[in-house]
Protein backbone atom coordinates (compact mmCIF):
# COMPACT_ATOMS: atom_id res chain seq x y z
CA MET A 1 -15.36 122.05 39.58
CA THR A 2 -12.52 119.91 38.30
CA HIS A 3 -13.36 117.22 35.76
CA VAL A 4 -11.65 113.83 36.13
CA GLU A 5 -10.87 111.54 33.20
CA LEU A 6 -9.44 108.04 33.42
CA ALA A 7 -7.83 106.10 30.59
CA LYS A 8 -6.01 102.78 30.54
CA VAL A 9 -2.69 103.35 28.82
CA GLU A 10 -1.04 99.94 28.72
CA GLU A 11 -0.69 96.50 30.23
CA ARG A 12 2.71 95.81 31.73
CA TYR A 13 4.66 92.71 32.55
CA GLY A 14 3.75 91.05 35.84
CA GLY A 15 0.05 91.88 35.80
CA GLN A 16 0.42 95.64 36.10
CA LEU A 17 -1.81 98.14 34.37
CA LEU A 18 -0.88 101.75 33.69
CA PHE A 19 -3.67 104.33 33.80
CA SER A 20 -3.63 108.03 33.08
CA VAL A 21 -5.74 110.11 35.47
CA ARG A 22 -6.42 113.60 34.13
CA PHE A 23 -7.72 116.50 36.21
CA ILE A 24 -9.10 119.37 34.16
CA GLY A 25 -10.13 122.59 35.89
CA ASN A 26 -10.80 126.14 34.80
CA ASP A 27 -7.19 127.27 35.15
CA ILE A 28 -5.19 124.04 35.34
CA ARG A 29 -4.74 120.66 33.77
CA MET A 30 -2.82 117.89 35.52
CA GLU A 31 -2.14 114.33 34.46
CA LEU A 32 -0.90 111.56 36.75
CA PRO A 33 0.33 108.15 35.67
CA VAL A 34 -0.97 105.44 38.02
CA ALA A 35 0.30 101.86 37.96
CA ILE A 36 -1.84 99.21 39.66
CA LYS A 37 -2.00 95.43 39.83
CA ASP A 38 -4.62 93.98 37.48
CA GLU A 39 -7.62 92.94 39.56
CA GLY A 40 -9.28 91.10 36.68
CA ALA A 41 -12.33 93.34 36.21
CA ILE A 42 -12.50 96.69 34.45
CA ALA A 43 -14.58 98.35 37.18
CA SER A 44 -12.26 97.10 39.93
CA ASN A 45 -9.19 98.28 38.04
CA GLU A 46 -10.67 101.73 37.45
CA THR A 47 -11.70 102.02 41.11
CA SER A 48 -8.21 101.01 42.24
CA ALA A 49 -6.58 103.54 39.90
CA LEU A 50 -8.87 106.34 41.11
CA ARG A 51 -8.27 105.45 44.76
CA SER A 52 -4.52 105.52 44.20
CA ALA A 53 -4.78 108.91 42.49
CA LEU A 54 -7.01 110.23 45.31
CA GLY A 55 -4.49 109.14 47.93
CA LEU A 56 -1.69 110.92 46.12
CA VAL A 57 -3.74 114.08 45.61
CA GLU A 58 -4.68 114.13 49.31
CA GLU A 59 -1.01 113.81 50.27
CA MET A 60 -0.13 116.57 47.81
CA GLY A 61 -2.83 118.80 49.30
CA ALA A 62 -1.52 118.28 52.82
CA SER A 63 2.04 119.04 51.70
CA ILE A 64 0.95 122.19 49.87
CA LYS A 65 -1.07 123.40 52.88
CA ALA A 66 1.90 122.80 55.17
CA ARG A 67 4.20 124.68 52.86
CA LEU A 68 1.81 127.60 52.52
CA GLY A 69 1.50 127.75 56.30
CA VAL A 70 5.25 127.99 56.66
CA GLU A 71 5.53 130.61 53.91
CA HIS A 72 2.84 132.76 55.49
CA GLN A 73 4.72 132.83 58.81
CA ILE A 74 7.96 134.01 57.23
CA PRO A 75 7.89 137.62 55.95
């Protein structure tokens, strides 16, 4: 199972926060920078950052599955 770590990296101009979301698995490590608008509470900010990362990862998964499907049809 992949382990997920979340760390706030910096506060940016205009009320933005930059988080680093790290995914650590047996054979892979991936890190995504996620910028969100500061919601004023640590828990809300972390939830927003994780939701943003989840949305991106789901889109990536769909794109990878589509590409693999195309590759498997072409000899």
